[in-house]
Amino acid sequence: MGRSRGGFGSKIHVAVNGLGLPVQVMLTAGQAADVTQAEALIEGKKAEVVIGDKGYDSDKLVRRIRARGAEAVIPPKSKRKQPRHYDTNRYKDRNLAERFWALAKQYRRIATRYEKTARNYLGFVHLVAIMVLLR
């Protein structure tokens, strides 16, 4: 688990499919930027569209997504000098990931992060992902 000003922390990164079901789950230290894990999340997955929030706004990532033959639907950060165009209607499908989190956080152990080690916490995250898949 990573250390931040508030203490130990972690981030869960998840990729979901078009039905909102998890296909890849990763755990990093809390201070790790989202964009650093994006390539690992989409590695080996076939997709027509990759949707992410502003935390994934990176020219390098967008180029990699396009090189794989997919469309990048990532809104540009507000500080960009030349904002990139993105499909606002398709961006609405990002709520599929948010719905997964709404389901995952119904499990108290995930929402409150009781586990002290990253290995144990990731194990419970995988268990919750399986529970969501079995619904």
C-alpha atoms as a PDB file:
ATOM      1  CA  MET A   1       0.000   0.000   0.000  1.00  0.00           C
ATOM      2  CA  GLY A   2       1.264   3.458  -0.774  1.00  0.00           C
ATOM      3  CA  ARG A   3       1.857   6.248   1.695  1.00  0.00           C
ATOM      4  CA  SER A   4       0.249   9.653   1.335  1.00  0.00           C
ATOM      5  CA  ARG A   5      -0.134  12.630   3.655  1.00  0.00           C
ATOM      6  CA  GLY A   6      -3.212  11.044   5.196  1.00  0.00           C
ATOM      7  CA  GLY A   7      -1.482   7.702   5.745  1.00  0.00           C
ATOM      8  CA  PHE A   8      -1.546   4.533   3.754  1.00  0.00           C
ATOM      9  CA  GLY A   9      -3.759   4.517   0.718  1.00  0.00           C
ATOM     10  CA  SER A  10      -4.455   2.593  -2.436  1.00  0.00           C
ATOM     11  CA  LYS A  11      -6.280   2.984  -5.723  1.00  0.00           C
ATOM     12  CA  ILE A  12      -8.229   0.327  -7.518  1.00  0.00           C
ATOM     13  CA  HIS A  13      -8.158   0.589 -11.311  1.00  0.00           C
ATOM     14  CA  VAL A  14     -10.759  -1.392 -13.209  1.00  0.00           C
ATOM     15  CA  ALA A  15     -11.639  -1.903 -16.860  1.00  0.00           C
ATOM     16  CA  VAL A  16     -15.231  -2.894 -17.589  1.00  0.00           C
ATOM     17  CA  ASN A  17     -16.821  -4.187 -20.763  1.00  0.00           C
ATOM     18  CA  GLY A  18     -19.928  -2.856 -22.529  1.00  0.00           C
ATOM     19  CA  LEU A  19     -22.159  -4.554 -19.975  1.00  0.00           C
ATOM     20  CA  GLY A  20     -20.394  -3.009 -16.994  1.00  0.00           C
ATOM     21  CA  LEU A  21     -18.723  -6.266 -15.980  1.00  0.00           C
ATOM     22  CA  PRO A  22     -15.108  -6.143 -14.814  1.00  0.00           C
ATOM     23  CA  VAL A  23     -12.478  -7.538 -17.176  1.00  0.00           C
ATOM     24  CA  GLN A  24      -9.299  -6.238 -15.501  1.00  0.00           C
ATOM     25  CA  VAL A  25      -8.642  -5.149 -11.909  1.00  0.00           C
ATOM     26  CA  MET A  26      -5.418  -3.593 -10.628  1.00  0.00           C
ATOM     27  CA  LEU A  27      -4.317  -2.128  -7.316  1.00  0.00           C
ATOM     28  CA  THR A  28      -1.712   0.624  -6.983  1.00  0.00           C
ATOM     29  CA  ALA A  29      -0.431   2.984  -4.331  1.00  0.00           C
ATOM     30  CA  GLY A  30      -2.732   5.906  -3.602  1.00  0.00           C
ATOM     31  CA  GLN A  31      -0.331   8.499  -4.978  1.00  0.00           C
ATOM     32  CA  ALA A  32       0.010   6.766  -8.375  1.00  0.00           C
ATOM     33  CA  ALA A  33      -1.541   8.666 -11.271  1.00  0.00           C
ATOM     34  CA  ASP A  34      -4.408   6.993 -13.103  1.00  0.00           C
ATOM     35  CA  VAL A  35      -2.832   7.451 -16.520  1.00  0.00           C
ATOM     36  CA  THR A  36       0.211   5.370 -15.515  1.00  0.00           C
ATOM     37  CA  GLN A  37      -1.966   2.253 -15.295  1.00  0.00           C
ATOM     38  CA  ALA A  38      -4.114   2.827 -18.385  1.00  0.00           C
ATOM     39  CA  GLU A  39      -1.967   0.853 -20.808  1.00  0.00           C
ATOM     40  CA  ALA A  40      -1.825  -2.133 -18.469  1.00  0.00           C
ATOM     41  CA  LEU A  41      -5.622  -2.043 -18.119  1.00  0.00           C
ATOM     42  CA  ILE A  42      -6.273  -2.238 -21.851  1.00  0.00           C
ATOM     43  CA  GLU A  43      -3.342  -4.498 -22.746  1.00  0.00           C
ATOM     44  CA  GLY A  44      -4.500  -7.617 -24.564  1.00  0.00           C
ATOM     45  CA  LYS A  45      -8.158  -6.520 -24.674  1.00  0.00           C
ATOM     46  CA  LYS A  46     -10.025  -5.903 -27.906  1.00  0.00           C
ATOM     47  CA  ALA A  47     -12.176  -2.805 -27.890  1.00  0.00           C
ATOM     48  CA  GLU A  48     -13.836  -0.493 -30.371  1.00  0.00           C
ATOM     49  CA  VAL A  49     -14.005   2.331 -27.850  1.00  0.00           C
ATOM     50  CA  VAL A  50     -11.903   3.134 -24.775  1.00  0.00           C
ATOM     51  CA  ILE A  51     -13.645   5.523 -22.407  1.00  0.00           C
ATOM     52  CA  GLY A  52     -11.877   7.221 -19.532  1.00  0.00           C
ATOM     53  CA  ASP A  53     -12.180  10.302 -17.365  1.00  0.00           C
ATOM     54  CA  LYS A  54      -9.905  13.359 -17.392  1.00  0.00           C
ATOM     55  CA  GLY A  55      -7.336  11.520 -15.294  1.00  0.00           C
ATOM     56  CA  TYR A  56      -6.507   9.460 -18.377  1.00  0.00           C
ATOM     57  CA  ASP A  57      -5.963  12.467 -20.663  1.00  0.00           C
ATOM     58  CA  SER A  58      -2.579  11.916 -22.296  1.00  0.00           C
ATOM     59  CA  ASP A  59      -1.512  12.320 -25.905  1.00  0.00           C
ATOM     60  CA  LYS A  60       0.649   9.207 -25.643  1.00  0.00           C
ATOM     61  CA  LEU A  61      -2.258   7.095 -24.381  1.00  0.00           C
ATOM     62  CA  VAL A  62      -4.620   8.412 -27.056  1.00  0.00           C
ATOM     63  CA  ARG A  63      -2.052   7.571 -29.753  1.00  0.00           C
ATOM     64  CA  ARG A  64      -1.697   4.029 -28.390  1.00  0.00           C
ATOM     65  CA  ILE A  65      -5.461   3.537 -28.312  1.00  0.00           C
ATOM     66  CA  ARG A  66      -5.813   4.758 -31.885  1.00  0.00           C
ATOM     67  CA  ALA A  67      -2.911   2.552 -33.008  1.00  0.00           C
ATOM     68  CA  ARG A  68      -4.889  -0.434 -31.726  1.00  0.00           C
ATOM     69  CA  GLY A  69      -7.821   0.587 -33.963  1.00  0.00           C
ATOM     70  CA  ALA A  70     -10.046   1.869 -31.175  1.00  0.00           C
ATOM     71  CA  GLU A  71     -11.589   5.256 -30.542  1.00  0.00           C
ATOM     72  CA  ALA A  72     -10.404   7.191 -27.488  1.00  0.00           C
ATOM     73  CA  VAL A  73     -13.261   8.907 -25.667  1.00  0.00           C
ATOM     74  CA  ILE A  74     -11.386  10.859 -23.023  1.00  0.00           C
ATOM     75  CA  PRO A  75     -12.296  14.469 -22.243  1.00  0.00           C
ATOM     76  CA  PRO A  76      -9.353  16.883 -22.282  1.00  0.00           C
ATOM     77  CA  LYS A  77      -8.125  18.489 -19.092  1.00  0.00           C
ATOM     78  CA  SER A  78      -9.209  22.104 -18.703  1.00  0.00           C
ATOM     79  CA  LYS A  79      -5.600  23.363 -18.759  1.00  0.00           C
ATOM     80  CA  ARG A  80      -4.890  22.050 -22.266  1.00  0.00           C
ATOM     81  CA  LYS A  81      -3.906  24.739 -24.744  1.00  0.00           C
ATOM     82  CA  GLN A  82      -5.534  22.889 -27.627  1.00  0.00           C
ATOM     83  CA  PRO A  83      -8.418  20.761 -26.363  1.00  0.00           C
ATOM     84  CA  ARG A  84      -8.907  17.475 -28.165  1.00  0.00           C
ATOM     85  CA  HIS A  85     -12.355  16.637 -29.525  1.00  0.00           C
ATOM     86  CA  TYR A  86     -14.177  13.653 -28.030  1.00  0.00           C
ATOM     87  CA  ASP A  87     -17.614  12.107 -28.523  1.00  0.00           C
ATOM     88  CA  THR A  88     -19.762  13.488 -25.694  1.00  0.00           C
ATOM     89  CA  ASN A  89     -22.595  11.036 -26.377  1.00  0.00           C
ATOM     90  CA  ARG A  90     -20.307   8.023 -26.100  1.00  0.00           C
ATOM     91  CA  TYR A  91     -18.736   9.477 -22.955  1.00  0.00           C
ATOM     92  CA  LYS A  92     -22.082   8.973 -21.224  1.00  0.00           C
ATOM     93  CA  ASP A  93     -21.345   5.228 -21.281  1.00  0.00           C
ATOM     94  CA  ARG A  94     -18.623   5.848 -18.691  1.00  0.00           C
ATOM     95  CA  ASN A  95     -21.385   5.365 -16.131  1.00  0.00           C
ATOM     96  CA  LEU A  96     -20.950   1.614 -16.674  1.00  0.00           C
ATOM     97  CA  ALA A  97     -17.737   1.801 -14.646  1.00  0.00           C
ATOM     98  CA  GLU A  98     -19.476   3.946 -12.037  1.00  0.00           C
ATOM     99  CA  ARG A  99     -22.257   1.373 -11.770  1.00  0.00           C
ATOM    100  CA  PHE A 100     -19.673  -1.345 -11.170  1.00  0.00           C
ATOM    101  CA  TRP A 101     -18.260   0.731  -8.305  1.00  0.00           C
ATOM    102  CA  ALA A 102     -21.736   1.234  -6.890  1.00  0.00           C
ATOM    103  CA  LEU A 103     -22.129  -2.550  -6.789  1.00  0.00           C
ATOM    104  CA  ALA A 104     -18.631  -3.160  -5.436  1.00  0.00           C
ATOM    105  CA  LYS A 105     -18.992  -0.651  -2.628  1.00  0.00           C
ATOM    106  CA  GLN A 106     -22.061  -2.442  -1.338  1.00  0.00           C
ATOM    107  CA  TYR A 107     -19.544  -4.856   0.127  1.00  0.00           C
ATOM    108  CA  ARG A 108     -18.405  -3.159   3.315  1.00  0.00           C
ATOM    109  CA  ARG A 109     -14.961  -4.696   3.342  1.00  0.00           C
ATOM    110  CA  ILE A 110     -14.154  -3.073  -0.011  1.00  0.00           C
ATOM    111  CA  ALA A 111     -15.713   0.303   0.765  1.00  0.00           C
ATOM    112  CA  THR A 112     -13.945   0.720   4.112  1.00  0.00           C
ATOM    113  CA  ARG A 113     -10.629  -0.949   3.109  1.00  0.00           C
ATOM    114  CA  TYR A 114     -10.135  -2.962   6.269  1.00  0.00           C
ATOM    115  CA  GLU A 115      -7.228  -4.987   4.901  1.00  0.00           C
ATOM    116  CA  LYS A 116      -3.746  -3.856   5.850  1.00  0.00           C
ATOM    117  CA  THR A 117      -1.830  -5.551   3.041  1.00  0.00           C
ATOM    118  CA  ALA A 118      -2.284  -4.891  -0.663  1.00  0.00           C
ATOM    119  CA  ARG A 119      -2.327  -8.633  -1.405  1.00  0.00           C
ATOM    120  CA  ASN A 120      -5.266  -9.308   0.915  1.00  0.00           C
ATOM    121  CA  TYR A 121      -7.184  -6.239  -0.222  1.00  0.00           C
ATOM    122  CA  LEU A 122      -6.729  -7.132  -3.894  1.00  0.00           C
ATOM    123  CA  GLY A 123      -7.945 -10.644  -3.083  1.00  0.00           C
ATOM    124  CA  PHE A 124     -11.177  -9.262  -1.701  1.00  0.00           C
ATOM    125  CA  VAL A 125     -11.532  -6.914  -4.673  1.00  0.00           C
ATOM    126  CA  HIS A 126     -11.243  -9.942  -6.962  1.00  0.00           C
ATOM    127  CA  LEU A 127     -13.829 -11.751  -4.865  1.00  0.00           C
ATOM    128  CA  VAL A 128     -16.241  -8.834  -5.214  1.00  0.00           C
ATOM    129  CA  ALA A 129     -15.572  -8.710  -8.964  1.00  0.00           C
ATOM    130  CA  ILE A 130     -16.524 -12.377  -9.157  1.00  0.00           C
ATOM    131  CA  MET A 131     -19.682 -11.701  -7.164  1.00  0.00           C
ATOM    132  CA  VAL A 132     -20.611  -8.934  -9.628  1.00  0.00           C
ATOM    133  CA  LEU A 133     -19.921 -11.273 -12.566  1.00  0.00           C
ATOM    134  CA  LEU A 134     -22.193 -13.933 -11.055  1.00  0.00           C
ATOM    135  CA  ARG A 135     -25.160 -11.597 -10.631  1.00  0.00           C
END
